[in-house]
Amino acid sequence: MYVHSCIDGSAAVKVPCGKGRWRSGASTERTCAVLEVEVIPTRELGNRSYVVHDGRTAVVVDPQRDLDRVEEVLEKAGAACGLVVETHVHNDYVTGGWELARRHGVPYVLSAEETVSFTCRPVRDGERLAVGSLTVEVVATPGHTDGHLAYVVTDGEAAPAVFTGGSLLYGTVGRTDLVDPERTEELARAQYRSARRLAARLPDDAAVYPTHGFGSFCSVGPCASGIDDAGPVTLADERRRNDALTEPDEDTFAARLVAGLTTYPAFYAQPLNRRGPGPADLAPPEPVDAAELRRRIADGQWVLDLRDRTAYAAGHLAGSVGIELGDQFSTYVSWLLPWGEPLTLVGESGEQVAAAQRQLARIGVDRPAGAAVGDVPGQRAYPRATFAEAAARPDGDLLVDVRRDDERAVGHILGSRHLPVHQLLPRIDELPRDRRLWLHCAGGFRASVAASLLERAGYDVVLVDDDYAKAVEAGIATG
């Protein structure tokens, strides 16, 4: 059997397998091989890491940078880290793989096709690695990246577990435009062939464990629903629903994949993972008082308010930027603010600041310049509104849509101006300064970020903090 569990609190699921037998120690005997897979989700970035073990020795797959979560799982399982494997050089988070391998004195496995500036254990298609009672088979799956690998892990006669990284995801595949936009179609075709080749060599009961696909911008299209509701997803599930396995024509698949690609965060271009990232520094930032916050703002530094958008709109420090702490926090911080500049955090509590700091460390923003905790001086405020109120806005006020291009193409409010939030800073002068701006997105989060950035730049703003579906109900003409 294999055992699948998730550290977010869901129950373990046991799945029958063949009749393999193996011994642990001198006298303990099990009637069935056991492959245990612990799932470590990073909901905020839409990814997962994995610890797969036999009860004594573990293989860690695609660990994120905050390694305390991984080491907690290892300790709870009573398993020693025997190997760290990376499916590819990631774009959407900073890996903890090199540091974890160094810390535990074990090999760090990466494709021999990757160019990196650190020492690792390079592997190629077809290689097999023994780790305790586990066998790890390397399968080349180029497409998401040129050197992308999948790892098939087996233990005796247990059903195999395959760790697919950014290749075969749940119901979809990883995007293919991150290596070189000019090669997008070429890599889309490679992605198709890789997925089918991988599926052809595995049984239907193989459990599939992707790294991306849970909201990550590294995936293409929506992830299949129902994940983990009834245990691990199997290859049989993917044969029924995954485009790469159900579409018989490579040309059609490639064209659909390319057409489905949307924009992705700017920090994906940072080459941090090729340098061998060191450990995350999660020590509390230096305390900063209100006077120092004002001085930093006057100097042009970024002061980031973590409170929810309702609290920020009601009162905030003039010149600060509001990006509420939640699942989209680190993505939009890194997408919007200039990379590498000092960043000071303002939060309601030390716990809120620590959570933000952890999210930032995962994308390579290593050390906040300081933090202020507690009451925030409420020098500035701006109104919040519904779509019904936006429909009745005064003549001359301008409605601004800050959603992505692909969202706008599906439907938009007639007469609105379009400026995606991730393009706001470099294009801010395209918006008129002599008109009040009503900012909207799909649900309010991005519009709140845009409102704070525009108010910081001297614009008169209103946050439309409402669900876009209510625009039609409010009688606003859409096209």
Protein backbone atom coordinates (compact mmCIF):
# COMPACT_ATOMS: atom_id res chain seq x y z
CA MET A 1 0.00 0.00 0.00
CA TYR A 2 0.96 3.61 -0.05
CA VAL A 3 -0.16 6.11 2.53
CA HIS A 4 -0.96 9.67 1.51
CA SER A 5 -1.41 12.48 3.99
CA CYS A 6 -1.42 16.24 3.94
CA ILE A 7 -0.03 18.46 6.69
CA ASP A 8 -2.95 20.88 6.32
CA GLY A 9 -5.02 18.53 8.46
CA SER A 10 -6.68 16.17 5.98
CA ALA A 11 -6.75 12.49 6.90
CA ALA A 12 -4.32 9.91 5.59
CA VAL A 13 -5.65 7.58 2.92
CA LYS A 14 -4.48 3.98 2.56
CA VAL A 15 -4.63 2.30 -0.83
CA PRO A 16 -4.20 -1.47 -1.31
CA CYS A 17 -1.33 -2.76 -3.38
CA GLY A 18 0.36 -6.05 -4.23
CA LYS A 19 1.73 -8.63 -1.82
CA GLY A 20 5.30 -7.42 -1.43
CA ARG A 21 7.05 -7.98 1.92
CA TRP A 22 9.89 -6.09 3.53
CA ARG A 23 11.59 -6.02 6.91
CA SER A 24 12.32 -3.08 9.17
CA GLY A 25 14.90 -4.00 11.79
CA ALA A 26 15.45 -7.57 12.98
CA SER A 27 11.93 -8.68 13.78
CA THR A 28 9.32 -6.34 12.28
CA GLU A 29 7.69 -7.66 9.12
CA ARG A 30 4.94 -6.13 7.06
CA THR A 31 2.76 -8.05 4.66
CA CYS A 32 2.70 -5.21 2.18
CA ALA A 33 5.29 -2.67 1.08
CA VAL A 34 4.50 0.80 2.33
CA LEU A 35 5.18 4.03 0.50
CA GLU A 36 4.26 7.05 2.56
CA VAL A 37 3.79 10.44 0.94
CA GLU A 38 3.46 13.57 3.04
CA VAL A 39 2.08 16.60 1.20
CA ILE A 40 3.33 20.06 2.19
CA PRO A 41 1.10 22.65 0.50
CA THR A 42 2.10 26.25 -0.06
CA ARG A 43 -1.35 27.62 -0.79
CA GLU A 44 -0.15 31.20 -1.20
CA LEU A 45 1.93 30.34 -4.28
CA GLY A 46 -0.18 27.44 -5.52
CA ASN A 47 2.48 24.76 -5.06
CA ARG A 48 3.23 21.59 -3.12
CA SER A 49 6.37 19.94 -1.79
CA TYR A 50 6.57 16.28 -0.83
CA VAL A 51 8.28 13.98 1.65
CA VAL A 52 8.11 10.35 0.51
CA HIS A 53 9.53 7.77 2.88
CA ASP A 54 9.55 4.13 3.99
CA GLY A 55 9.32 4.91 7.69
CA ARG A 56 13.08 5.28 8.09
CA THR A 57 14.52 7.10 5.07
CA ALA A 58 12.97 9.90 3.05
CA VAL A 59 13.21 11.54 -0.33
CA VAL A 60 12.23 15.22 -0.32
CA VAL A 61 10.79 16.55 -3.59
CA ASP A 62 10.81 20.23 -4.55
CA PRO A 63 11.10 21.76 -1.05
CA GLN A 64 10.30 25.43 -0.60
CA ARG A 65 12.71 27.70 1.15
CA ASP A 66 11.15 27.73 4.62
CA LEU A 67 12.57 24.36 5.60
CA ASP A 68 11.17 24.22 9.12
CA ARG A 69 7.99 22.79 7.61
CA VAL A 70 9.92 20.01 5.86
CA GLU A 71 11.99 19.17 8.91
CA GLU A 72 8.89 19.04 11.08
CA VAL A 73 7.43 16.41 8.74
CA LEU A 74 10.67 14.41 8.78
CA GLU A 75 10.80 14.47 12.56
CA LYS A 76 7.16 13.45 12.93
CA ALA A 77 7.68 10.56 10.50
CA GLY A 78 10.86 9.45 12.25
CA ALA A 79 12.58 9.40 8.87
CA ALA A 80 16.04 10.68 8.01
CA CYS A 81 16.45 12.77 4.87
CA GLY A 82 18.34 10.55 2.44
CA LEU A 83 17.96 12.47 -0.82
CA VAL A 84 16.66 15.80 -2.10
CA VAL A 85 15.37 15.89 -5.67
CA GLU A 86 14.33 18.85 -7.79
CA THR A 87 12.07 18.37 -10.80
CA HIS A 88 13.33 21.58 -12.41
CA VAL A 89 14.75 25.01 -11.72
CA HIS A 90 11.62 26.77 -10.53
CA ASN A 91 10.46 30.24 -11.51
CA ASP A 92 7.67 30.84 -9.02
CA TYR A 93 9.47 30.24 -5.73
CA VAL A 94 12.93 30.04 -4.25
CA THR A 95 13.94 26.45 -3.58
CA GLY A 96 15.15 25.13 -0.27
CA GLY A 97 16.62 22.07 -1.95
CA TRP A 98 20.27 23.02 -2.00
CA GLU A 99 20.19 24.21 1.63
CA LEU A 100 18.27 21.15 2.84
CA ALA A 101 20.75 18.78 1.17
CA ARG A 102 23.68 20.71 2.62
CA ARG A 103 22.14 20.74 6.07
CA HIS A 104 21.57 16.96 6.10
CA GLY A 105 24.69 15.97 4.17
CA VAL A 106 22.82 14.21 1.37
CA PRO A 107 22.93 14.46 -2.44
CA TYR A 108 20.99 17.23 -4.16
CA VAL A 109 19.61 15.80 -7.40
CA LEU A 110 18.99 17.97 -10.44
CA SER A 111 18.89 17.42 -14.19
CA ALA A 112 22.28 17.31 -15.87
CA GLU A 113 20.72 19.58 -18.51
CA GLU A 114 20.41 22.48 -16.06
CA THR A 115 23.05 25.20 -15.78
CA VAL A 116 23.66 26.11 -12.14
CA SER A 117 26.50 27.68 -10.15
CA PHE A 118 26.62 25.12 -7.33
CA THR A 119 27.54 21.48 -6.89
CA CYS A 120 24.75 18.94 -7.21
CA ARG A 121 24.19 15.31 -8.22
CA PRO A 122 23.36 15.56 -11.93
CA VAL A 123 21.05 12.87 -13.30
CA ARG A 124 19.68 11.86 -16.67
CA ASP A 125 16.74 9.96 -18.07
CA GLY A 126 16.65 6.33 -16.99
CA GLU A 127 18.92 6.56 -13.95
CA ARG A 128 17.85 4.79 -10.77
CA LEU A 129 18.75 5.88 -7.25
CA ALA A 130 18.37 3.70 -4.14
CA VAL A 131 17.32 5.44 -0.91
CA GLY A 132 16.58 3.05 1.96
CA SER A 133 14.00 0.63 0.61
CA LEU A 134 12.91 3.18 -2.00
CA THR A 135 13.92 3.25 -5.64
CA VAL A 136 13.83 6.56 -7.48
CA GLU A 137 13.70 6.38 -11.29
CA VAL A 138 14.50 9.50 -13.31
CA VAL A 139 12.28 10.29 -16.31
CA ALA A 140 13.07 13.21 -18.61
CA THR A 141 9.92 15.29 -19.19
CA PRO A 142 11.03 18.42 -21.09
CA GLY A 143 8.44 21.09 -21.84
CA HIS A 144 7.89 23.28 -18.80
CA THR A 145 11.69 23.66 -18.90
CA ASP A 146 14.28 21.97 -21.10
CA GLY A 147 15.78 19.95 -18.25
CA HIS A 148 12.52 19.05 -16.54
CA LEU A 149 12.40 15.65 -14.80
CA ALA A 150 9.77 13.46 -13.21
CA TYR A 151 10.66 10.99 -10.48
CA VAL A 152 8.97 7.59 -10.15
CA VAL A 153 9.33 6.27 -6.60
CA THR A 154 8.63 2.64 -5.75
CA ASP A 155 8.95 0.43 -2.69
CA GLY A 156 8.70 -3.30 -3.34
CA GLU A 157 5.45 -4.09 -5.09
CA ALA A 158 3.66 -0.95 -3.94
CA ALA A 159 1.88 1.11 -6.55
CA PRO A 160 4.40 3.71 -7.75
CA ALA A 161 4.20 7.38 -6.91
CA VAL A 162 5.27 9.78 -9.65
CA PHE A 163 6.34 13.33 -8.85
CA THR A 164 5.68 15.39 -11.94
CA GLY A 165 6.74 18.93 -10.98
CA GLY A 166 5.50 21.32 -13.66
CA SER A 167 4.84 18.77 -16.40
CA LEU A 168 1.74 16.60 -15.90
CA LEU A 169 -0.52 18.51 -13.51
CA TYR A 170 -4.04 17.72 -12.33
CA GLY A 171 -6.19 18.11 -15.42
CA THR A 172 -3.67 20.33 -17.17
CA VAL A 173 0.06 20.93 -17.71
CA GLY A 174 2.71 23.51 -16.87
CA ARG A 175 3.18 26.58 -19.03
CA THR A 176 5.88 26.53 -21.70
CA ASP A 177 6.74 30.21 -22.24
CA LEU A 178 9.08 30.75 -19.28
CA VAL A 179 12.31 29.53 -20.91
CA ASP A 180 12.06 31.69 -24.03
CA PRO A 181 8.86 33.20 -25.47
CA GLU A 182 10.14 32.42 -28.96
CA ARG A 183 10.18 28.70 -28.08
CA THR A 184 6.72 28.52 -26.53
CA GLU A 185 5.16 26.34 -29.22
CA GLU A 186 8.24 24.11 -29.50
CA LEU A 187 8.14 23.44 -25.76
CA ALA A 188 4.36 22.98 -25.82
CA ARG A 189 4.89 20.14 -28.26
CA ALA A 190 7.63 18.72 -26.04
CA GLN A 191 5.24 18.97 -23.07
CA TYR A 192 2.65 16.93 -24.97
CA ARG A 193 5.14 14.21 -25.88
CA SER A 194 6.61 14.11 -22.38
CA ALA A 195 3.22 13.68 -20.71
CA ARG A 196 2.26 10.85 -23.04
CA ARG A 197 5.62 9.14 -22.73
CA LEU A 198 5.43 9.29 -18.93
CA ALA A 199 1.87 7.96 -18.88
CA ALA A 200 2.74 5.11 -21.26
CA ARG A 201 5.33 3.68 -18.88
CA LEU A 202 3.21 3.75 -15.70
CA PRO A 203 0.22 1.72 -14.49
CA ASP A 204 -3.21 3.22 -13.93
CA ASP A 205 -2.85 3.01 -10.13
CA ALA A 206 0.30 5.14 -10.06
CA ALA A 207 -0.31 8.11 -7.75
CA VAL A 208 0.40 11.47 -9.41
CA TYR A 209 1.96 14.28 -7.35
CA PRO A 210 2.59 17.56 -9.23
CA THR A 211 4.38 20.54 -7.69
CA HIS A 212 2.45 23.25 -9.57
CA GLY A 213 -1.20 23.53 -10.47
CA PHE A 214 -2.93 24.67 -7.29
CA GLY A 215 -3.17 28.32 -8.26
CA SER A 216 0.40 28.80 -9.46
CA PHE A 217 0.95 30.99 -12.50
CA CYS A 218 3.22 28.16 -13.72
CA SER A 219 0.18 26.15 -14.79
CA VAL A 220 -2.00 26.63 -17.87
CA GLY A 221 -5.75 26.72 -17.38
CA PRO A 222 -7.69 25.66 -14.28
CA CYS A 223 -6.59 22.79 -12.10
CA ALA A 224 -9.02 19.88 -11.92
CA SER A 225 -11.41 20.04 -8.96
CA GLY A 226 -11.87 17.46 -6.24
CA ILE A 227 -8.18 17.10 -5.45
CA ASP A 228 -7.59 14.78 -2.49
CA ASP A 229 -11.30 14.43 -1.74
CA ALA A 230 -10.98 10.67 -2.09
CA GLY A 231 -7.24 10.12 -1.74
CA PRO A 232 -4.36 10.52 -4.16
CA VAL A 233 -5.01 11.31 -7.79
CA THR A 234 -4.03 8.39 -9.99
CA LEU A 235 -2.81 8.18 -13.54
CA ALA A 236 -6.18 6.65 -14.43
CA ASP A 237 -7.81 9.92 -13.34
CA GLU A 238 -5.46 11.90 -15.57
CA ARG A 239 -6.00 9.61 -18.55
CA ARG A 240 -9.69 10.57 -18.36
CA ARG A 241 -9.35 14.34 -18.01
CA ASN A 242 -5.89 15.70 -18.80
CA ASP A 243 -5.70 17.52 -22.14
CA ALA A 244 -2.23 16.19 -22.83
CA LEU A 245 -3.54 12.61 -22.57
CA THR A 246 -7.04 13.01 -24.03
CA GLU A 247 -6.19 15.18 -27.04
CA PRO A 248 -5.03 12.84 -29.87
CA ASP A 249 -3.60 15.61 -32.03
CA GLU A 250 -0.35 17.34 -31.04
CA ASP A 251 -1.03 20.37 -33.24
CA THR A 252 -4.41 20.99 -31.61
CA PHE A 253 -2.97 20.54 -28.13
CA ALA A 254 -0.08 22.92 -28.75
CA ALA A 255 -2.33 25.58 -30.26
CA ARG A 256 -4.74 25.40 -27.32
CA LEU A 257 -1.94 25.55 -24.75
CA VAL A 258 -0.34 28.59 -26.37
CA ALA A 259 -3.70 30.35 -26.65
CA GLY A 260 -4.37 29.74 -22.95
CA LEU A 261 -1.21 31.40 -21.64
CA THR A 262 -1.65 34.53 -19.55
CA THR A 263 0.78 37.01 -18.04
CA TYR A 264 2.93 35.94 -15.09
CA PRO A 265 4.63 37.78 -12.21
CA ALA A 266 7.77 39.77 -12.96
CA PHE A 267 9.82 38.07 -10.25
CA TYR A 268 9.81 34.84 -12.30
CA ALA A 269 12.73 36.35 -14.21
CA GLN A 270 14.97 36.43 -11.11
CA PRO A 271 17.72 33.74 -11.44
CA LEU A 272 17.93 33.00 -7.71
CA ASN A 273 17.55 29.23 -7.96
CA ARG A 274 20.53 28.87 -10.27
CA ARG A 275 22.81 30.30 -7.57
CA GLY A 276 22.04 27.82 -4.79
CA PRO A 277 19.87 29.86 -2.42
CA GLY A 278 20.87 29.92 1.22
CA PRO A 279 18.55 29.57 4.21
CA ALA A 280 15.58 31.82 4.80
CA ASP A 281 16.19 34.41 7.49
CA LEU A 282 12.94 34.58 9.46
CA ALA A 283 14.25 36.48 12.48
CA PRO A 284 11.96 39.41 13.43
CA PRO A 285 12.71 42.63 11.54
CA GLU A 286 14.03 45.73 13.29
CA PRO A 287 11.22 47.65 15.06
CA VAL A 288 10.31 51.00 13.45
CA ASP A 289 8.24 53.75 15.07
CA ALA A 290 5.79 56.16 13.40
CA ALA A 291 8.33 58.94 13.03
CA GLU A 292 10.75 56.59 11.25
CA LEU A 293 7.95 55.34 9.00
CA ARG A 294 7.24 58.89 7.91
CA ARG A 295 10.92 59.57 7.31
CA ARG A 296 11.23 56.48 5.12
CA ILE A 297 8.16 57.44 3.13
CA ALA A 298 9.57 60.96 2.66
CA ASP A 299 12.78 59.36 1.36
CA GLY A 300 10.76 57.45 -1.25
CA GLN A 301 11.06 54.05 0.44
CA TRP A 302 8.25 51.49 0.27
CA VAL A 303 6.18 51.09 3.43
CA LEU A 304 3.77 48.20 3.03
CA ASP A 305 0.58 47.97 5.11
CA LEU A 306 -0.53 44.34 5.65
CA ARG A 307 -4.00 45.02 7.07
CA ASP A 308 -7.16 44.03 5.24
CA ARG A 309 -8.33 46.43 2.56
CA THR A 310 -11.32 47.64 4.58
CA ALA A 311 -9.10 48.77 7.46
CA TYR A 312 -6.57 50.32 5.09
CA ALA A 313 -9.21 52.31 3.19
CA ALA A 314 -10.63 53.62 6.48
CA GLY A 315 -7.31 55.02 7.67
CA HIS A 316 -3.66 54.62 6.79
CA LEU A 317 -0.33 56.36 6.83
CA ALA A 318 -0.03 58.76 3.90
CA GLY A 319 2.41 57.42 1.32
CA SER A 320 2.15 53.78 2.39
CA VAL A 321 0.97 51.02 0.05
CA GLY A 322 -1.80 48.61 1.09
CA ILE A 323 -1.45 44.94 0.08
CA GLU A 324 -3.48 42.88 2.48
CA LEU A 325 -1.92 39.70 3.80
CA GLY A 326 -3.53 36.69 2.14
CA ASP A 327 -2.97 34.07 -0.52
CA GLN A 328 -2.03 36.63 -3.19
CA PHE A 329 0.20 38.78 -1.01
CA SER A 330 3.74 37.78 -2.03
CA THR A 331 2.83 37.40 -5.70
CA TYR A 332 1.62 40.98 -5.98
CA VAL A 333 4.32 42.48 -3.77
CA SER A 334 6.96 41.01 -6.04
CA TRP A 335 5.01 41.79 -9.19
CA LEU A 336 4.39 45.45 -8.39
CA LEU A 337 7.16 46.90 -6.27
CA PRO A 338 10.69 47.55 -7.58
CA TRP A 339 12.86 44.49 -6.99
CA GLY A 340 15.62 44.87 -4.41
CA GLU A 341 14.51 48.15 -2.85
CA PRO A 342 14.08 48.43 0.96
CA LEU A 343 10.68 47.29 2.16
CA THR A 344 9.22 48.14 5.58
CA LEU A 345 6.18 46.22 6.86
CA VAL A 346 3.28 47.59 8.90
CA GLY A 347 1.06 45.04 10.62
CA GLU A 348 -1.51 44.63 13.36
CA SER A 349 0.60 42.05 15.21
CA GLY A 350 3.99 40.39 15.25
CA GLU A 351 2.33 37.23 13.95
CA GLN A 352 1.01 39.08 10.91
CA VAL A 353 4.44 40.51 10.15
CA ALA A 354 6.05 37.07 10.58
CA ALA A 355 3.56 35.49 8.17
CA ALA A 356 4.29 38.19 5.58
CA GLN A 357 8.03 37.76 6.07
CA ARG A 358 7.73 34.00 5.47
CA GLN A 359 5.81 34.56 2.26
CA LEU A 360 8.38 37.06 1.04
CA ALA A 361 11.30 34.75 1.84
CA ARG A 362 9.77 32.11 -0.41
CA ILE A 363 10.14 34.39 -3.42
CA GLY A 364 13.58 35.76 -2.53
CA VAL A 365 12.74 38.97 -0.68
CA ASP A 366 15.12 38.11 2.09
CA ARG A 367 15.03 40.72 4.76
CA PRO A 368 12.50 43.51 5.42
CA ALA A 369 14.13 46.81 6.32
CA GLY A 370 11.97 46.94 9.45
CA ALA A 371 8.46 46.55 10.81
CA ALA A 372 5.92 48.53 12.80
CA VAL A 373 3.28 46.67 14.81
CA GLY A 374 0.06 47.90 16.37
CA ASP A 375 -2.03 51.00 15.77
CA VAL A 376 -1.43 52.71 12.44
CA PRO A 377 -1.59 56.51 12.23
CA GLY A 378 -4.73 57.13 10.13
CA GLN A 379 -3.81 60.28 8.27
CA ARG A 380 -5.44 59.31 4.96
CA ALA A 381 -8.56 57.45 3.82
CA TYR A 382 -10.55 56.85 0.66
CA PRO A 383 -14.10 55.59 0.09
CA ARG A 384 -15.19 52.06 -0.74
CA ALA A 385 -18.12 51.44 -3.06
CA THR A 386 -20.26 48.75 -4.64
CA PHE A 387 -20.87 48.30 -8.36
CA ALA A 388 -24.34 49.74 -7.84
CA GLU A 389 -22.73 52.91 -6.53
CA ALA A 390 -20.21 52.84 -9.37
CA ALA A 391 -23.10 52.75 -11.82
CA ALA A 392 -24.40 56.01 -10.31
CA ARG A 393 -21.01 57.74 -10.14
CA PRO A 394 -20.94 61.45 -11.12
CA ASP A 395 -20.34 62.43 -14.73
CA GLY A 396 -16.65 62.93 -15.30
CA ASP A 397 -15.54 60.23 -12.86
CA LEU A 398 -13.65 57.45 -14.61
CA LEU A 399 -14.07 53.71 -13.98
CA VAL A 400 -10.74 51.89 -14.27
CA ASP A 401 -10.52 48.12 -14.77
CA VAL A 402 -7.27 46.73 -13.30
CA ARG A 403 -7.80 43.08 -14.25
CA ARG A 404 -5.51 41.14 -16.60
CA ASP A 405 -5.88 41.30 -20.38
CA ASP A 406 -7.36 37.79 -20.59
CA GLU A 407 -10.04 38.67 -18.03
CA ARG A 408 -10.88 41.88 -19.85
CA ALA A 409 -11.25 39.99 -23.14
CA VAL A 410 -13.94 37.74 -21.65
CA GLY A 411 -16.07 40.70 -20.63
CA HIS A 412 -15.76 44.29 -19.45
CA ILE A 413 -17.78 47.35 -18.47
CA LEU A 414 -18.44 49.59 -21.42
CA GLY A 415 -16.73 52.95 -21.17
CA SER A 416 -14.22 51.82 -18.55
CA ARG A 417 -10.49 52.42 -18.93
CA HIS A 418 -8.25 49.35 -18.78
CA LEU A 419 -4.89 49.34 -17.02
CA PRO A 420 -3.82 46.01 -15.44
CA VAL A 421 -2.59 46.44 -11.89
CA HIS A 422 0.75 44.79 -12.66
CA GLN A 423 1.38 47.48 -15.31
CA LEU A 424 0.19 50.37 -13.18
CA LEU A 425 3.48 51.84 -12.00
CA PRO A 426 5.24 52.10 -15.38
CA ARG A 427 2.06 53.36 -17.07
CA ILE A 428 0.60 55.49 -14.30
CA ASP A 429 0.77 58.72 -16.34
CA GLU A 430 -1.79 57.29 -18.77
CA LEU A 431 -4.47 57.99 -16.17
CA PRO A 432 -5.89 61.52 -15.90
CA ARG A 433 -5.12 63.43 -12.70
CA ASP A 434 -8.08 65.78 -13.03
CA ARG A 435 -10.75 63.08 -12.70
CA ARG A 436 -11.78 60.87 -9.78
CA LEU A 437 -10.87 57.24 -10.49
CA TRP A 438 -13.09 54.32 -9.46
CA LEU A 439 -10.91 51.17 -9.39
CA HIS A 440 -12.36 47.71 -9.91
CA CYS A 441 -11.12 44.15 -10.48
CA ALA A 442 -12.88 40.80 -10.06
CA GLY A 443 -13.35 40.86 -6.30
CA GLY A 444 -11.66 43.88 -4.75
CA PHE A 445 -8.16 42.72 -3.81
CA ARG A 446 -6.29 44.02 -6.85
CA ALA A 447 -8.41 47.17 -7.02
CA SER A 448 -7.42 47.90 -3.42
CA VAL A 449 -3.75 47.58 -4.30
CA ALA A 450 -4.24 49.87 -7.31
CA ALA A 451 -6.14 52.40 -5.19
CA SER A 452 -3.30 52.57 -2.66
CA LEU A 453 -0.66 52.98 -5.37
CA LEU A 454 -2.63 55.71 -7.12
CA GLU A 455 -3.44 57.58 -3.92
CA ARG A 456 0.27 57.41 -3.03
CA ALA A 457 0.92 59.12 -6.38
CA GLY A 458 -1.61 61.88 -5.68
CA TYR A 459 -4.74 60.60 -7.44
CA ASP A 460 -8.29 60.92 -6.09
CA VAL A 461 -9.62 57.35 -5.86
CA VAL A 462 -12.61 55.21 -4.92
CA LEU A 463 -12.21 51.48 -4.30
CA VAL A 464 -14.97 49.38 -5.87
CA ASP A 465 -14.84 46.57 -3.33
CA ASP A 466 -17.39 44.25 -4.89
CA ASP A 467 -17.80 41.05 -6.90
CA TYR A 468 -17.64 41.69 -10.66
CA ALA A 469 -20.70 39.49 -11.19
CA LYS A 470 -22.76 42.18 -9.46
CA ALA A 471 -21.94 44.72 -12.17
CA VAL A 472 -24.60 43.22 -14.43
CA GLU A 473 -27.08 43.10 -11.54
CA ALA A 474 -26.38 46.79 -10.95
CA GLY A 475 -27.41 47.59 -14.51
CA ILE A 476 -23.95 48.45 -15.77
CA ALA A 477 -23.58 47.78 -19.49
CA THR A 478 -20.93 45.16 -20.18
CA GLY A 479 -19.45 43.89 -23.40
